[in-house]
C-alpha atoms as a PDB file:
ATOM      1  CA  MET A   1     -52.212 -14.047 -49.018  1.00  0.00           C
ATOM      2  CA  GLY A   2     -48.410 -14.055 -48.268  1.00  0.00           C
ATOM      3  CA  GLU A   3     -48.853 -13.206 -44.631  1.00  0.00           C
ATOM      4  CA  LEU A   4     -51.482 -16.005 -44.255  1.00  0.00           C
ATOM      5  CA  LEU A   5     -49.248 -18.551 -45.900  1.00  0.00           C
ATOM      6  CA  ALA A   6     -46.343 -17.450 -43.729  1.00  0.00           C
ATOM      7  CA  ARG A   7     -48.375 -17.692 -40.525  1.00  0.00           C
ATOM      8  CA  ARG A   8     -49.870 -21.173 -41.472  1.00  0.00           C
ATOM      9  CA  SER A   9     -46.523 -22.572 -42.506  1.00  0.00           C
ATOM     10  CA  GLY A  10     -44.635 -21.226 -39.532  1.00  0.00           C
ATOM     11  CA  ARG A  11     -42.321 -19.003 -41.564  1.00  0.00           C
ATOM     12  CA  ASP A  12     -41.474 -15.339 -41.508  1.00  0.00           C
ATOM     13  CA  PHE A  13     -43.091 -12.998 -44.009  1.00  0.00           C
ATOM     14  CA  VAL A  14     -40.975 -10.535 -46.017  1.00  0.00           C
ATOM     15  CA  ASP A  15     -42.896  -8.061 -48.259  1.00  0.00           C
ATOM     16  CA  ASN A  16     -40.807  -6.297 -50.907  1.00  0.00           C
ATOM     17  CA  ASP A  17     -42.934  -3.116 -50.598  1.00  0.00           C
ATOM     18  CA  ALA A  18     -42.339  -2.982 -46.914  1.00  0.00           C
ATOM     19  CA  GLN A  19     -38.637  -3.630 -47.372  1.00  0.00           C
ATOM     20  CA  LEU A  20     -38.434  -0.789 -49.922  1.00  0.00           C
ATOM     21  CA  ALA A  21     -40.240   1.591 -47.634  1.00  0.00           C
ATOM     22  CA  ALA A  22     -37.972   0.687 -44.716  1.00  0.00           C
ATOM     23  CA  VAL A  23     -34.801   1.275 -46.714  1.00  0.00           C
ATOM     24  CA  THR A  24     -35.880   4.437 -48.635  1.00  0.00           C
ATOM     25  CA  GLY A  25     -38.728   5.936 -46.579  1.00  0.00           C
ATOM     26  CA  ARG A  26     -40.776   5.989 -49.825  1.00  0.00           C
ATOM     27  CA  THR A  27     -43.244   3.949 -51.736  1.00  0.00           C
ATOM     28  CA  ALA A  28     -42.325   2.192 -55.001  1.00  0.00           C
ATOM     29  CA  ARG A  29     -44.331   4.895 -56.845  1.00  0.00           C
ATOM     30  CA  GLU A  30     -42.367   7.615 -55.090  1.00  0.00           C
ATOM     31  CA  VAL A  31     -39.020   5.954 -55.959  1.00  0.00           C
ATOM     32  CA  GLN A  32     -39.980   5.498 -59.543  1.00  0.00           C
ATOM     33  CA  THR A  33     -41.175   9.055 -59.871  1.00  0.00           C
ATOM     34  CA  ASN A  34     -38.090  10.604 -58.254  1.00  0.00           C
ATOM     35  CA  ASP A  35     -35.310   8.277 -59.205  1.00  0.00           C
ATOM     36  CA  GLY A  36     -36.615   6.341 -62.299  1.00  0.00           C
ATOM     37  CA  PRO A  37     -37.754   2.836 -62.983  1.00  0.00           C
ATOM     38  CA  GLU A  38     -34.283   1.414 -63.072  1.00  0.00           C
ATOM     39  CA  ALA A  39     -33.468   2.646 -59.564  1.00  0.00           C
ATOM     40  CA  LEU A  40     -36.759   1.074 -58.325  1.00  0.00           C
ATOM     41  CA  HIS A  41     -36.011  -2.214 -59.962  1.00  0.00           C
ATOM     42  CA  GLU A  42     -32.525  -2.267 -58.573  1.00  0.00           C
ATOM     43  CA  LEU A  43     -33.823  -1.751 -55.067  1.00  0.00           C
ATOM     44  CA  GLU A  44     -36.379  -4.497 -55.643  1.00  0.00           C
ATOM     45  CA  ARG A  45     -33.680  -6.854 -56.872  1.00  0.00           C
ATOM     46  CA  LYS A  46     -31.482  -6.087 -53.834  1.00  0.00           C
ATOM     47  CA  GLY A  47     -34.478  -6.593 -51.550  1.00  0.00           C
ATOM     48  CA  LEU A  48     -35.136 -10.020 -53.104  1.00  0.00           C
ATOM     49  CA  ALA A  49     -31.418 -11.050 -52.756  1.00  0.00           C
ATOM     50  CA  THR A  50     -31.417  -9.893 -49.082  1.00  0.00           C
ATOM     51  CA  ALA A  51     -34.615 -11.850 -48.330  1.00  0.00           C
ATOM     52  CA  LEU A  52     -33.312 -14.999 -50.103  1.00  0.00           C
ATOM     53  CA  GLY A  53     -30.010 -14.668 -48.275  1.00  0.00           C
ATOM     54  CA  SER A  54     -31.636 -15.023 -44.873  1.00  0.00           C
ATOM     55  CA  GLN A  55     -31.026 -18.297 -42.953  1.00  0.00           C
ATOM     56  CA  THR A  56     -34.579 -18.117 -41.674  1.00  0.00           C
ATOM     57  CA  PRO A  57     -37.249 -19.733 -44.024  1.00  0.00           C
ATOM     58  CA  ALA A  58     -39.646 -17.080 -45.216  1.00  0.00           C
ATOM     59  CA  VAL A  59     -42.503 -16.429 -47.503  1.00  0.00           C
ATOM     60  CA  ILE A  60     -41.373 -13.581 -49.642  1.00  0.00           C
ATOM     61  CA  ALA A  61     -43.766 -11.288 -51.578  1.00  0.00           C
ATOM     62  CA  ALA A  62     -41.378 -10.209 -54.253  1.00  0.00           C
ATOM     63  CA  ALA A  63     -41.893  -7.464 -56.749  1.00  0.00           C
ATOM     64  CA  ALA A  64     -43.030  -8.811 -60.086  1.00  0.00           C
ATOM     65  CA  SER A  65     -40.216  -6.884 -61.809  1.00  0.00           C
ATOM     66  CA  VAL A  66     -37.565  -9.180 -60.368  1.00  0.00           C
ATOM     67  CA  ILE A  67     -38.572 -11.815 -62.933  1.00  0.00           C
ATOM     68  CA  ASP A  68     -37.191  -9.455 -65.637  1.00  0.00           C
ATOM     69  CA  ASP A  69     -33.677  -9.743 -64.266  1.00  0.00           C
ATOM     70  CA  PRO A  70     -31.762 -12.851 -65.240  1.00  0.00           C
ATOM     71  CA  ASP A  71     -29.643 -12.874 -62.102  1.00  0.00           C
ATOM     72  CA  SER A  72     -32.767 -12.727 -59.907  1.00  0.00           C
ATOM     73  CA  ARG A  73     -34.303 -15.611 -61.902  1.00  0.00           C
ATOM     74  CA  ARG A  74     -31.193 -17.728 -61.325  1.00  0.00           C
ATOM     75  CA  LEU A  75     -31.200 -16.809 -57.651  1.00  0.00           C
ATOM     76  CA  LEU A  76     -34.867 -17.808 -57.344  1.00  0.00           C
ATOM     77  CA  GLN A  77     -34.260 -21.032 -59.221  1.00  0.00           C
ATOM     78  CA  ARG A  78     -31.348 -22.001 -56.950  1.00  0.00           C
ATOM     79  CA  THR A  79     -32.809 -20.926 -53.566  1.00  0.00           C
ATOM     80  CA  ALA A  80     -36.579 -20.703 -53.552  1.00  0.00           C
ATOM     81  CA  THR A  81     -39.844 -22.387 -54.102  1.00  0.00           C
ATOM     82  CA  VAL A  82     -41.622 -20.048 -56.558  1.00  0.00           C
ATOM     83  CA  ILE A  83     -45.328 -19.674 -56.268  1.00  0.00           C
ATOM     84  CA  TRP A  84     -46.877 -17.881 -59.245  1.00  0.00           C
ATOM     85  CA  LEU A  85     -50.199 -16.217 -58.478  1.00  0.00           C
ATOM     86  CA  THR A  86     -52.044 -15.865 -61.781  1.00  0.00           C
ATOM     87  CA  ALA A  87     -54.915 -13.625 -62.578  1.00  0.00           C
ATOM     88  CA  ASP A  88     -56.557 -11.952 -65.534  1.00  0.00           C
ATOM     89  CA  VAL A  89     -54.961  -8.646 -66.584  1.00  0.00           C
ATOM     90  CA  ASP A  90     -58.189  -6.787 -65.982  1.00  0.00           C
ATOM     91  CA  GLU A  91     -58.360  -8.075 -62.521  1.00  0.00           C
ATOM     92  CA  LEU A  92     -54.738  -7.327 -61.814  1.00  0.00           C
ATOM     93  CA  ALA A  93     -55.302  -3.683 -63.067  1.00  0.00           C
ATOM     94  CA  LYS A  94     -58.302  -3.307 -60.883  1.00  0.00           C
ATOM     95  CA  ARG A  95     -56.415  -4.447 -57.844  1.00  0.00           C
ATOM     96  CA  ALA A  96     -53.324  -2.332 -58.641  1.00  0.00           C
ATOM     97  CA  ARG A  97     -55.338   0.900 -59.065  1.00  0.00           C
ATOM     98  CA  ARG A  98     -56.627   0.345 -55.378  1.00  0.00           C
ATOM     99  CA  GLN A  99     -53.020   0.371 -54.162  1.00  0.00           C
ATOM    100  CA  ARG A 100     -51.619   3.855 -54.400  1.00  0.00           C
ATOM    101  CA  HIS A 101     -48.016   2.805 -53.730  1.00  0.00           C
ATOM    102  CA  ARG A 102     -47.798   0.916 -57.089  1.00  0.00           C
ATOM    103  CA  PRO A 103     -45.958   2.776 -59.883  1.00  0.00           C
ATOM    104  CA  LEU A 104     -48.577   2.528 -62.655  1.00  0.00           C
ATOM    105  CA  ALA A 105     -48.895   4.251 -66.025  1.00  0.00           C
ATOM    106  CA  SER A 106     -52.027   6.306 -66.669  1.00  0.00           C
ATOM    107  CA  ASP A 107     -53.316   3.339 -68.711  1.00  0.00           C
ATOM    108  CA  SER A 108     -52.519   0.611 -66.068  1.00  0.00           C
ATOM    109  CA  THR A 109     -54.393  -2.065 -68.049  1.00  0.00           C
ATOM    110  CA  ALA A 110     -52.265  -1.586 -71.143  1.00  0.00           C
ATOM    111  CA  GLN A 111     -49.154  -1.512 -69.032  1.00  0.00           C
ATOM    112  CA  LEU A 112     -50.022  -4.711 -67.252  1.00  0.00           C
ATOM    113  CA  ARG A 113     -51.016  -6.393 -70.513  1.00  0.00           C
ATOM    114  CA  GLN A 114     -47.566  -5.591 -71.951  1.00  0.00           C
ATOM    115  CA  GLN A 115     -45.811  -6.723 -68.817  1.00  0.00           C
ATOM    116  CA  SER A 116     -47.872  -9.906 -68.711  1.00  0.00           C
ATOM    117  CA  ALA A 117     -46.925 -10.685 -72.320  1.00  0.00           C
ATOM    118  CA  THR A 118     -43.215 -10.421 -71.408  1.00  0.00           C
ATOM    119  CA  ARG A 119     -43.338 -12.002 -67.952  1.00  0.00           C
ATOM    120  CA  THR A 120     -45.755 -14.889 -68.450  1.00  0.00           C
ATOM    121  CA  PRO A 121     -43.175 -17.143 -70.119  1.00  0.00           C
ATOM    122  CA  LEU A 122     -40.638 -16.319 -67.472  1.00  0.00           C
ATOM    123  CA  PHE A 123     -42.950 -17.116 -64.562  1.00  0.00           C
ATOM    124  CA  ALA A 124     -44.141 -20.268 -66.335  1.00  0.00           C
ATOM    125  CA  GLU A 125     -40.546 -21.429 -66.629  1.00  0.00           C
ATOM    126  CA  LEU A 126     -39.564 -20.647 -63.082  1.00  0.00           C
ATOM    127  CA  ALA A 127     -42.738 -21.490 -61.077  1.00  0.00           C
ATOM    128  CA  ASP A 128     -42.793 -24.544 -58.871  1.00  0.00           C
ATOM    129  CA  ILE A 129     -46.485 -24.013 -57.913  1.00  0.00           C
ATOM    130  CA  VAL A 130     -49.087 -22.140 -60.049  1.00  0.00           C
ATOM    131  CA  VAL A 131     -52.264 -20.994 -58.537  1.00  0.00           C
ATOM    132  CA  ASP A 132     -55.366 -18.852 -59.518  1.00  0.00           C
ATOM    133  CA  ALA A 133     -55.160 -15.801 -57.348  1.00  0.00           C
ATOM    134  CA  THR A 134     -58.744 -14.656 -58.006  1.00  0.00           C
ATOM    135  CA  ARG A 135     -60.123 -16.751 -55.160  1.00  0.00           C
ATOM    136  CA  PRO A 136     -60.128 -15.752 -51.343  1.00  0.00           C
ATOM    137  CA  PRO A 137     -56.680 -15.856 -49.745  1.00  0.00           C
ATOM    138  CA  SER A 138     -57.675 -18.686 -47.473  1.00  0.00           C
ATOM    139  CA  ASP A 139     -58.663 -20.837 -50.412  1.00  0.00           C
ATOM    140  CA  ILE A 140     -55.379 -20.080 -52.065  1.00  0.00           C
ATOM    141  CA  VAL A 141     -53.383 -21.012 -48.927  1.00  0.00           C
ATOM    142  CA  ASP A 142     -55.437 -24.195 -48.484  1.00  0.00           C
ATOM    143  CA  GLU A 143     -54.370 -25.139 -52.018  1.00  0.00           C
ATOM    144  CA  VAL A 144     -50.724 -24.043 -51.776  1.00  0.00           C
ATOM    145  CA  LEU A 145     -49.681 -25.143 -48.306  1.00  0.00           C
ATOM    146  CA  PRO A 146     -49.760 -28.831 -48.907  1.00  0.00           C
ATOM    147  CA  GLN A 147     -47.827 -28.473 -52.128  1.00  0.00           C
ATOM    148  CA  LEU A 148     -45.286 -26.245 -50.407  1.00  0.00           C
ATOM    149  CA  LEU A 149     -44.778 -28.526 -47.459  1.00  0.00           C
ATOM    150  CA  ALA A 150     -44.356 -31.500 -49.850  1.00  0.00           C
ATOM    151  CA  LEU A 151     -41.347 -29.938 -51.619  1.00  0.00           C
END
């Protein structure tokens, strides 16, 4: 969805997972397994700050964990239009299990349910645009693009 939005809005696309792999040579799962969750989240926060510091407008697919960090939230609030893609926890768990690079607990649904309970109020406070992400990416972009360009 992010790549399509970037292409249709004429912006660069920055994916936090790709940034992380470029910097470390490892996936998020590998970083968390070898270095721990705090090291992973620090790399994700640095990746967000780097992407937001660019002078070139971009669509940034940020790691969800950056919402947990107060400094990252302030940075997003000051410098970005935040699009919150919402979906049911069961749907998120199903998607995440298909992506081997994600650092998930053995009970990914329980992990995502706990994270959702913590993060939902933070996303709700910060989001400029909220969209249901259970639809096809082209439908999501059709909804988001006019709102994004109007801001």
